Amino acid sequence: MDKQHAHQLLDELGPGQFEAVVRLLEVMTDPATVSIANAPIDDEPVSEEEERAVAASKEWFKHNAGIPFEDVAAELGFTMEQVRGDKERV
């Protein structure tokens, strides 16, 4: 498939479809996304200490409500726009 064919296909898309393809292309070409996609699989064994920590966390959540991420960000002085990278960072 060449670029000319890709351009022809893009010209056939409706506005919503075009926006979706543009977003997909942005994700596919984002250096962080590419880096994560190419990263080796984490095959490090889980330690007994880590297993105990996960079990304790799961038990805690059985009896307690979680804290919304937005609340944690606000407590640290960030807005969700900053967390998402929509605004300049502090």
C-alpha atoms as a PDB file:
ATOM      1  CA  MET A   1       0.000   0.000   0.000  1.00  0.00           C
ATOM      2  CA  ASP A   2       1.420   3.396  -0.914  1.00  0.00           C
ATOM      3  CA  LYS A   3       0.749   6.902   0.407  1.00  0.00           C
ATOM      4  CA  GLN A   4      -1.397   7.828  -2.584  1.00  0.00           C
ATOM      5  CA  HIS A   5      -3.763   4.946  -1.848  1.00  0.00           C
ATOM      6  CA  ALA A   6      -3.864   5.981   1.827  1.00  0.00           C
ATOM      7  CA  HIS A   7      -4.735   9.545   0.797  1.00  0.00           C
ATOM      8  CA  GLN A   8      -7.546   8.258  -1.421  1.00  0.00           C
ATOM      9  CA  LEU A   9      -8.972   6.231   1.445  1.00  0.00           C
ATOM     10  CA  LEU A  10      -8.759   9.214   3.801  1.00  0.00           C
ATOM     11  CA  ASP A  11     -10.675  11.320   1.291  1.00  0.00           C
ATOM     12  CA  GLU A  12     -13.550   8.792   1.446  1.00  0.00           C
ATOM     13  CA  LEU A  13     -13.972   8.996   5.233  1.00  0.00           C
ATOM     14  CA  GLY A  14     -16.712  10.912   6.963  1.00  0.00           C
ATOM     15  CA  PRO A  15     -15.773  13.525   9.600  1.00  0.00           C
ATOM     16  CA  GLY A  16     -16.130  11.181  12.588  1.00  0.00           C
ATOM     17  CA  GLN A  17     -14.190   8.424  10.860  1.00  0.00           C
ATOM     18  CA  PHE A  18     -11.466  10.854   9.845  1.00  0.00           C
ATOM     19  CA  GLU A  19     -11.068  12.083  13.428  1.00  0.00           C
ATOM     20  CA  ALA A  20     -10.799   8.490  14.657  1.00  0.00           C
ATOM     21  CA  VAL A  21      -8.105   7.667  12.094  1.00  0.00           C
ATOM     22  CA  VAL A  22      -6.176  10.833  12.959  1.00  0.00           C
ATOM     23  CA  ARG A  23      -6.282   9.926  16.656  1.00  0.00           C
ATOM     24  CA  LEU A  24      -5.114   6.393  15.849  1.00  0.00           C
ATOM     25  CA  LEU A  25      -2.218   7.777  13.821  1.00  0.00           C
ATOM     26  CA  GLU A  26      -1.303  10.127  16.673  1.00  0.00           C
ATOM     27  CA  VAL A  27      -1.195   7.215  19.105  1.00  0.00           C
ATOM     28  CA  MET A  28       0.753   5.028  16.682  1.00  0.00           C
ATOM     29  CA  THR A  29       3.412   7.703  16.120  1.00  0.00           C
ATOM     30  CA  ASP A  30       3.671   8.929  19.723  1.00  0.00           C
ATOM     31  CA  PRO A  31       7.224   8.154  20.916  1.00  0.00           C
ATOM     32  CA  ALA A  32       6.019   6.934  24.316  1.00  0.00           C
ATOM     33  CA  THR A  33       3.463   4.588  22.745  1.00  0.00           C
ATOM     34  CA  VAL A  34       6.055   3.244  20.303  1.00  0.00           C
ATOM     35  CA  SER A  35       8.540   2.748  23.142  1.00  0.00           C
ATOM     36  CA  ILE A  36       6.000   0.847  25.250  1.00  0.00           C
ATOM     37  CA  ALA A  37       4.948  -1.282  22.291  1.00  0.00           C
ATOM     38  CA  ASN A  38       8.577  -2.222  21.632  1.00  0.00           C
ATOM     39  CA  ALA A  39       9.511  -2.816  25.266  1.00  0.00           C
ATOM     40  CA  PRO A  40      10.425  -6.339  26.294  1.00  0.00           C
ATOM     41  CA  ILE A  41       7.884  -8.334  28.267  1.00  0.00           C
ATOM     42  CA  ASP A  42       8.421  -8.108  32.008  1.00  0.00           C
ATOM     43  CA  ASP A  43       9.228 -11.690  32.854  1.00  0.00           C
ATOM     44  CA  GLU A  44      10.778 -10.975  36.227  1.00  0.00           C
ATOM     45  CA  PRO A  45       9.377 -13.364  38.818  1.00  0.00           C
ATOM     46  CA  VAL A  46       7.061 -11.937  41.459  1.00  0.00           C
ATOM     47  CA  SER A  47       8.585 -12.122  44.937  1.00  0.00           C
ATOM     48  CA  GLU A  48       6.742 -13.484  47.961  1.00  0.00           C
ATOM     49  CA  GLU A  49       6.788  -9.976  49.434  1.00  0.00           C
ATOM     50  CA  GLU A  50       5.082  -8.588  46.326  1.00  0.00           C
ATOM     51  CA  GLU A  51       2.476 -11.354  46.407  1.00  0.00           C
ATOM     52  CA  ARG A  52       1.729 -10.560  50.070  1.00  0.00           C
ATOM     53  CA  ALA A  53       1.432  -6.847  49.254  1.00  0.00           C
ATOM     54  CA  VAL A  54      -1.038  -7.553  46.427  1.00  0.00           C
ATOM     55  CA  ALA A  55      -3.077  -9.866  48.668  1.00  0.00           C
ATOM     56  CA  ALA A  56      -3.153  -7.223  51.421  1.00  0.00           C
ATOM     57  CA  SER A  57      -4.275  -4.605  48.903  1.00  0.00           C
ATOM     58  CA  LYS A  58      -7.078  -6.806  47.588  1.00  0.00           C
ATOM     59  CA  GLU A  59      -8.223  -7.507  51.139  1.00  0.00           C
ATOM     60  CA  TRP A  60      -8.179  -3.775  51.966  1.00  0.00           C
ATOM     61  CA  PHE A  61     -10.374  -3.008  48.934  1.00  0.00           C
ATOM     62  CA  LYS A  62     -12.909  -5.600  50.081  1.00  0.00           C
ATOM     63  CA  HIS A  63     -13.611  -3.409  53.134  1.00  0.00           C
ATOM     64  CA  ASN A  64     -12.773   0.112  51.920  1.00  0.00           C
ATOM     65  CA  ALA A  65     -13.730   2.373  49.058  1.00  0.00           C
ATOM     66  CA  GLY A  66     -10.953   3.399  46.745  1.00  0.00           C
ATOM     67  CA  ILE A  67      -9.828   7.003  46.355  1.00  0.00           C
ATOM     68  CA  PRO A  68     -10.747   8.550  42.983  1.00  0.00           C
ATOM     69  CA  PHE A  69      -7.668   9.425  40.935  1.00  0.00           C
ATOM     70  CA  GLU A  70      -8.988  12.963  40.478  1.00  0.00           C
ATOM     71  CA  ASP A  71      -8.917  13.419  44.272  1.00  0.00           C
ATOM     72  CA  VAL A  72      -5.325  12.172  44.491  1.00  0.00           C
ATOM     73  CA  ALA A  73      -4.246  14.523  41.705  1.00  0.00           C
ATOM     74  CA  ALA A  74      -5.996  17.475  43.386  1.00  0.00           C
ATOM     75  CA  GLU A  75      -4.398  16.647  46.733  1.00  0.00           C
ATOM     76  CA  LEU A  76      -1.010  16.787  45.015  1.00  0.00           C
ATOM     77  CA  GLY A  77      -1.880  20.154  43.480  1.00  0.00           C
ATOM     78  CA  PHE A  78      -2.548  19.032  39.906  1.00  0.00           C
ATOM     79  CA  THR A  79      -5.559  19.505  37.689  1.00  0.00           C
ATOM     80  CA  MET A  80      -6.721  16.638  35.495  1.00  0.00           C
ATOM     81  CA  GLU A  81      -5.795  18.737  32.445  1.00  0.00           C
ATOM     82  CA  GLN A  82      -2.215  18.850  33.722  1.00  0.00           C
ATOM     83  CA  VAL A  83      -2.221  15.122  34.410  1.00  0.00           C
ATOM     84  CA  ARG A  84      -3.468  14.417  30.893  1.00  0.00           C
ATOM     85  CA  GLY A  85      -0.910  16.832  29.450  1.00  0.00           C
ATOM     86  CA  ASP A  86      -3.553  19.227  28.102  1.00  0.00           C
ATOM     87  CA  LYS A  87      -2.036  22.227  29.852  1.00  0.00           C
ATOM     88  CA  GLU A  88       1.425  23.402  30.784  1.00  0.00           C
ATOM     89  CA  ARG A  89       2.871  21.548  33.690  1.00  0.00           C
ATOM     90  CA  VAL A  90       3.504  23.311  36.980  1.00  0.00           C
END
